[in-house]
Amino acid sequence: MRMDYFADLVEKAIEGSSAEVVAEGSKFEATVISESFDGVSPVNRHKMVYAVLEEHIKTGAIHALTIKALTPAEQAKKSAS
C-alpha cells in the first residue's frame, strides 16, 4: 500500500526529492531520490530520511522502516541494470 502522507513529508523536508513510501503490514519501505544526496554517505542519507519520519516511528505509526536513498544518477544506473 502506498503511503502518500509519509512520502509528502519527505519530499517537503528534503530539497528536490522524489519519495515513495510503501507499506506491507507493519513493514515500511521508503525510496527517496534526491540530488541533495550527492556526496553524502549512505548512513547520513538514511539519517536525513529517518529524521523526517522519526516522530511517526516513535509513535509506532511506522514500524520496521527500510530506506533506499539514492541520487538520480544512482537510480538511473540501478534501473539500467
Protein backbone atom coordinates (compact mmCIF):
# COMPACT_ATOMS: atom_id res chain seq x y z
CA MET A 1 0.00 0.00 0.00
CA ARG A 2 1.35 3.41 -0.99
CA MET A 3 1.68 5.85 1.89
CA ASP A 4 1.42 9.27 0.23
CA TYR A 5 1.28 11.20 3.53
CA PHE A 6 4.75 9.99 4.55
CA ALA A 7 6.14 10.48 1.03
CA ASP A 8 4.87 14.07 1.04
CA LEU A 9 6.59 14.73 4.38
CA VAL A 10 9.91 13.53 2.97
CA GLU A 11 9.54 15.50 -0.26
CA LYS A 12 8.83 18.71 1.67
CA ALA A 13 11.77 18.22 4.04
CA ILE A 14 14.48 17.05 1.62
CA GLU A 15 15.04 19.59 -1.12
CA GLY A 16 14.36 18.42 -4.64
CA SER A 17 13.46 14.92 -3.59
CA SER A 18 11.07 12.41 -5.02
CA ALA A 19 9.83 9.89 -2.46
CA GLU A 20 7.75 6.77 -2.44
CA VAL A 21 6.77 5.11 0.81
CA VAL A 22 5.02 1.76 0.70
CA ALA A 23 3.79 -0.47 3.48
CA GLU A 24 3.11 -4.14 3.73
CA GLY A 25 1.53 -4.74 7.09
CA SER A 26 3.79 -3.08 9.64
CA LYS A 27 6.86 -3.08 7.36
CA PHE A 28 7.59 0.18 5.58
CA GLU A 29 9.97 0.94 2.73
CA ALA A 30 10.95 4.46 1.71
CA THR A 31 12.68 5.08 -1.61
CA VAL A 32 13.98 8.63 -1.86
CA ILE A 33 15.73 10.10 -4.90
CA SER A 34 17.44 13.47 -4.50
CA GLU A 35 20.37 15.47 -5.86
CA SER A 36 20.96 16.59 -2.27
CA PHE A 37 22.34 13.09 -1.55
CA ASP A 38 25.27 13.72 -3.91
CA GLY A 39 28.49 13.40 -1.91
CA VAL A 40 26.62 12.28 1.24
CA SER A 41 27.42 8.89 2.77
CA PRO A 42 24.70 6.22 2.78
CA VAL A 43 24.49 6.40 6.58
CA ASN A 44 23.94 10.16 6.53
CA ARG A 45 21.37 9.83 3.74
CA HIS A 46 19.43 7.40 5.92
CA LYS A 47 19.72 9.76 8.87
CA MET A 48 18.22 12.56 6.75
CA VAL A 49 15.18 10.44 5.85
CA TYR A 50 14.86 8.99 9.35
CA ALA A 51 14.86 12.47 10.87
CA VAL A 52 11.82 13.41 8.79
CA LEU A 53 9.86 10.33 9.83
CA GLU A 54 11.20 9.98 13.39
CA GLU A 55 8.06 11.30 15.09
CA HIS A 56 5.95 8.69 13.31
CA ILE A 57 8.44 5.94 14.12
CA LYS A 58 8.37 6.85 17.82
CA THR A 59 4.56 6.77 17.92
CA GLY A 60 4.52 3.38 16.23
CA ALA A 61 2.73 4.61 13.10
CA ILE A 62 5.78 3.42 11.15
CA HIS A 63 7.45 0.16 12.11
CA ALA A 64 10.39 -1.68 10.53
CA LEU A 65 11.47 1.07 8.13
CA THR A 66 13.78 0.21 5.23
CA ILE A 67 15.33 3.22 3.47
CA LYS A 68 16.73 3.42 -0.06
CA ALA A 69 18.26 6.86 -0.57
CA LEU A 70 19.79 7.48 -4.00
CA THR A 71 20.89 10.29 -6.27
CA PRO A 72 19.13 10.48 -9.65
CA ALA A 73 22.31 9.15 -11.31
CA GLU A 74 22.43 6.17 -8.94
CA GLN A 75 18.75 5.46 -9.60
CA ALA A 76 19.28 5.63 -13.36
CA LYS A 77 22.23 3.23 -13.14
CA LYS A 78 20.22 0.85 -10.95
CA SER A 79 17.26 0.96 -13.36
CA ALA A 80 19.52 0.25 -16.34
CA SER A 81 20.91 -2.96 -14.85
